[in-house]
Amino acid sequence: MEQRENRFVVCMNNDEYPASLELHKIYQTLPDADAGQDGDLRVTDESGEDYLYPAEWFALISLPYEVELSVAYGNGLK
């Protein structure tokens, strides 16, 4: 069974997809071992859907737990 963990990245390059990715914005990634082997990340982009993008376009970041919840669920803490 694959363990799902929240991972967050900051977009450092959006030259090819400016409508799909905002420069310097935090995005959530989804686990995808095959994509990782190919040098890609599965990222939930501005469309709300997940797509593959080159991993080199992003920087992995750590967020405080409360911020991670807020970003992951989009509605803040309750």
N, C-alpha and C. Protein backbone atom coordinates (compact mmCIF):
# COMPACT_ATOMS: atom_id res chain seq x y z
N MET A 1 0.85 -1.18 0.00
CA MET A 1 0.00 0.00 0.00
C MET A 1 0.90 1.24 0.00
N GLU A 2 0.62 2.16 -0.91
CA GLU A 2 1.40 3.38 -1.04
C GLU A 2 0.94 4.40 -0.01
N GLN A 3 1.88 4.96 0.73
CA GLN A 3 1.55 5.97 1.73
C GLN A 3 1.48 7.32 1.04
N ARG A 4 0.41 8.04 1.30
CA ARG A 4 0.25 9.35 0.72
C ARG A 4 0.73 10.39 1.72
N GLU A 5 1.62 11.24 1.25
CA GLU A 5 2.09 12.31 2.10
C GLU A 5 1.95 13.62 1.32
N ASN A 6 1.64 14.68 2.04
CA ASN A 6 1.56 15.98 1.40
C ASN A 6 2.97 16.47 1.13
N ARG A 7 3.21 16.84 -0.09
CA ARG A 7 4.47 17.46 -0.47
C ARG A 7 4.12 18.75 -1.18
N PHE A 8 4.91 19.74 -0.91
CA PHE A 8 4.66 21.05 -1.49
C PHE A 8 5.91 21.57 -2.17
N VAL A 9 5.68 22.28 -3.26
CA VAL A 9 6.76 22.83 -4.06
C VAL A 9 6.43 24.27 -4.41
N VAL A 10 7.46 25.03 -4.73
CA VAL A 10 7.29 26.39 -5.24
C VAL A 10 7.68 26.38 -6.71
N CYS A 11 6.85 26.99 -7.54
CA CYS A 11 7.14 27.07 -8.97
C CYS A 11 8.26 28.08 -9.23
N MET A 12 9.31 27.62 -9.88
CA MET A 12 10.46 28.48 -10.20
C MET A 12 10.56 28.77 -11.70
N ASN A 13 9.72 28.12 -12.52
CA ASN A 13 9.76 28.33 -13.96
C ASN A 13 8.38 28.00 -14.52
N ASN A 14 7.77 28.96 -15.19
CA ASN A 14 6.47 28.73 -15.82
C ASN A 14 6.47 29.18 -17.27
N ASP A 15 7.65 29.31 -17.88
CA ASP A 15 7.78 29.85 -19.24
C ASP A 15 6.88 29.16 -20.25
N GLU A 16 6.77 27.85 -20.18
CA GLU A 16 6.00 27.11 -21.18
C GLU A 16 4.51 27.02 -20.87
N TYR A 17 4.12 27.25 -19.61
CA TYR A 17 2.72 27.12 -19.20
C TYR A 17 2.29 28.26 -18.27
N PRO A 18 2.38 29.51 -18.71
CA PRO A 18 2.06 30.63 -17.81
C PRO A 18 0.59 30.65 -17.35
N ALA A 19 -0.31 30.06 -18.11
CA ALA A 19 -1.72 30.01 -17.71
C ALA A 19 -1.98 28.90 -16.69
N SER A 20 -1.10 27.90 -16.66
CA SER A 20 -1.29 26.74 -15.78
C SER A 20 -0.51 26.82 -14.48
N LEU A 21 0.61 27.56 -14.50
CA LEU A 21 1.47 27.66 -13.33
C LEU A 21 1.80 29.12 -13.05
N GLU A 22 1.68 29.52 -11.79
CA GLU A 22 2.06 30.87 -11.39
C GLU A 22 3.45 30.83 -10.78
N LEU A 23 4.30 31.71 -11.26
CA LEU A 23 5.66 31.79 -10.76
C LEU A 23 5.66 32.12 -9.27
N HIS A 24 6.44 31.40 -8.51
CA HIS A 24 6.62 31.57 -7.06
C HIS A 24 5.41 31.15 -6.22
N LYS A 25 4.46 30.49 -6.81
CA LYS A 25 3.28 30.00 -6.06
C LYS A 25 3.57 28.62 -5.49
N ILE A 26 2.96 28.31 -4.34
CA ILE A 26 3.07 27.00 -3.71
C ILE A 26 2.04 26.06 -4.35
N TYR A 27 2.51 24.87 -4.74
CA TYR A 27 1.64 23.85 -5.32
C TYR A 27 1.80 22.55 -4.54
N GLN A 28 0.73 21.78 -4.51
CA GLN A 28 0.77 20.46 -3.90
C GLN A 28 1.09 19.43 -4.97
N THR A 29 1.93 18.46 -4.60
CA THR A 29 2.24 17.37 -5.52
C THR A 29 1.47 16.12 -5.11
N LEU A 30 1.35 15.22 -6.04
CA LEU A 30 0.72 13.93 -5.79
C LEU A 30 1.74 12.84 -6.03
N PRO A 31 1.70 11.76 -5.25
CA PRO A 31 2.65 10.66 -5.45
C PRO A 31 2.52 10.06 -6.85
N ASP A 32 3.64 9.87 -7.52
CA ASP A 32 3.66 9.24 -8.83
C ASP A 32 5.08 8.74 -9.08
N ALA A 33 5.33 7.51 -8.70
CA ALA A 33 6.68 6.93 -8.80
C ALA A 33 7.18 6.92 -10.25
N ASP A 34 6.31 6.60 -11.19
CA ASP A 34 6.72 6.56 -12.60
C ASP A 34 7.16 7.94 -13.07
N ALA A 35 6.42 8.97 -12.69
CA ALA A 35 6.77 10.34 -13.08
C ALA A 35 8.12 10.72 -12.49
N GLY A 36 8.34 10.37 -11.24
CA GLY A 36 9.60 10.68 -10.57
C GLY A 36 10.79 10.05 -11.27
N GLN A 37 10.61 8.83 -11.75
CA GLN A 37 11.69 8.15 -12.46
C GLN A 37 12.03 8.85 -13.77
N ASP A 38 11.06 9.55 -14.32
CA ASP A 38 11.27 10.28 -15.58
C ASP A 38 11.68 11.73 -15.35
N GLY A 39 11.86 12.12 -14.08
CA GLY A 39 12.26 13.49 -13.77
C GLY A 39 11.12 14.48 -13.75
N ASP A 40 9.90 13.98 -13.55
CA ASP A 40 8.72 14.83 -13.51
C ASP A 40 8.06 14.81 -12.14
N LEU A 41 7.19 15.77 -11.92
CA LEU A 41 6.34 15.82 -10.73
C LEU A 41 4.89 15.89 -11.17
N ARG A 42 4.02 15.24 -10.44
CA ARG A 42 2.58 15.37 -10.68
C ARG A 42 2.10 16.49 -9.76
N VAL A 43 1.69 17.60 -10.38
CA VAL A 43 1.34 18.82 -9.66
C VAL A 43 -0.10 19.19 -9.94
N THR A 44 -0.84 19.56 -8.90
CA THR A 44 -2.19 20.11 -9.08
C THR A 44 -2.02 21.58 -9.45
N ASP A 45 -2.33 21.92 -10.70
CA ASP A 45 -2.05 23.26 -11.21
C ASP A 45 -3.26 24.18 -11.11
N GLU A 46 -3.22 25.30 -11.82
CA GLU A 46 -4.28 26.31 -11.74
C GLU A 46 -5.62 25.82 -12.24
N SER A 47 -5.64 24.76 -13.03
CA SER A 47 -6.90 24.21 -13.53
C SER A 47 -7.62 23.41 -12.44
N GLY A 48 -6.86 23.08 -11.37
CA GLY A 48 -7.42 22.23 -10.32
C GLY A 48 -7.21 20.75 -10.59
N GLU A 49 -6.65 20.45 -11.75
CA GLU A 49 -6.35 19.08 -12.14
C GLU A 49 -4.86 18.83 -11.95
N ASP A 50 -4.47 17.56 -11.89
CA ASP A 50 -3.05 17.25 -11.76
C ASP A 50 -2.47 16.87 -13.11
N TYR A 51 -1.28 17.42 -13.36
CA TYR A 51 -0.55 17.18 -14.60
C TYR A 51 0.92 16.97 -14.29
N LEU A 52 1.63 16.40 -15.24
CA LEU A 52 3.07 16.20 -15.08
C LEU A 52 3.82 17.42 -15.60
N TYR A 53 4.80 17.85 -14.79
CA TYR A 53 5.69 18.95 -15.16
C TYR A 53 7.11 18.54 -14.80
N PRO A 54 8.10 19.13 -15.47
CA PRO A 54 9.50 18.82 -15.12
C PRO A 54 9.79 19.20 -13.67
N ALA A 55 10.37 18.28 -12.92
CA ALA A 55 10.69 18.53 -11.51
C ALA A 55 11.62 19.71 -11.35
N GLU A 56 12.48 19.95 -12.33
CA GLU A 56 13.44 21.05 -12.23
C GLU A 56 12.77 22.43 -12.24
N TRP A 57 11.49 22.50 -12.56
CA TRP A 57 10.77 23.77 -12.53
C TRP A 57 10.33 24.14 -11.12
N PHE A 58 10.52 23.25 -10.15
CA PHE A 58 10.01 23.45 -8.80
C PHE A 58 11.09 23.24 -7.75
N ALA A 59 10.88 23.86 -6.59
CA ALA A 59 11.74 23.63 -5.42
C ALA A 59 10.87 23.05 -4.32
N LEU A 60 11.29 21.91 -3.76
CA LEU A 60 10.57 21.27 -2.67
C LEU A 60 10.70 22.13 -1.42
N ILE A 61 9.59 22.33 -0.70
CA ILE A 61 9.61 23.13 0.51
C ILE A 61 8.93 22.38 1.64
N SER A 62 9.27 22.77 2.88
CA SER A 62 8.61 22.26 4.08
C SER A 62 7.75 23.37 4.63
N LEU A 63 6.55 23.03 5.02
CA LEU A 63 5.63 24.01 5.59
C LEU A 63 5.30 23.63 7.02
N PRO A 64 5.06 24.63 7.89
CA PRO A 64 4.54 24.31 9.22
C PRO A 64 3.21 23.56 9.07
N TYR A 65 2.92 22.68 10.01
CA TYR A 65 1.73 21.82 9.92
C TYR A 65 0.45 22.61 9.64
N GLU A 66 0.25 23.71 10.35
CA GLU A 66 -0.98 24.50 10.19
C GLU A 66 -1.07 25.09 8.78
N VAL A 67 0.06 25.54 8.25
CA VAL A 67 0.07 26.09 6.90
C VAL A 67 -0.17 24.98 5.88
N GLU A 68 0.42 23.82 6.10
CA GLU A 68 0.21 22.68 5.22
C GLU A 68 -1.27 22.32 5.13
N LEU A 69 -1.95 22.28 6.26
CA LEU A 69 -3.39 21.99 6.25
C LEU A 69 -4.16 23.04 5.47
N SER A 70 -3.82 24.29 5.68
CA SER A 70 -4.51 25.38 5.00
C SER A 70 -4.32 25.31 3.49
N VAL A 71 -3.08 25.07 3.06
CA VAL A 71 -2.79 24.98 1.63
C VAL A 71 -3.42 23.73 1.03
N ALA A 72 -3.33 22.62 1.71
CA ALA A 72 -3.84 21.35 1.18
C ALA A 72 -5.36 21.35 1.03
N TYR A 73 -6.04 21.98 1.97
CA TYR A 73 -7.50 21.92 1.96
C TYR A 73 -8.14 23.24 1.55
N GLY A 74 -7.36 24.29 1.38
CA GLY A 74 -7.84 25.53 0.80
C GLY A 74 -8.85 26.32 1.61
N ASN A 75 -9.14 25.90 2.82
CA ASN A 75 -10.16 26.62 3.57
C ASN A 75 -9.69 27.01 4.96
N GLY A 76 -8.42 26.90 5.22
CA GLY A 76 -7.89 27.31 6.53
C GLY A 76 -8.26 26.31 7.61
N LEU A 77 -7.89 26.65 8.81
CA LEU A 77 -8.16 25.80 9.97
C LEU A 77 -9.56 26.04 10.50
N LYS A 78 -10.13 24.99 11.04
CA LYS A 78 -11.47 25.10 11.66
C LYS A 78 -11.37 24.68 13.09
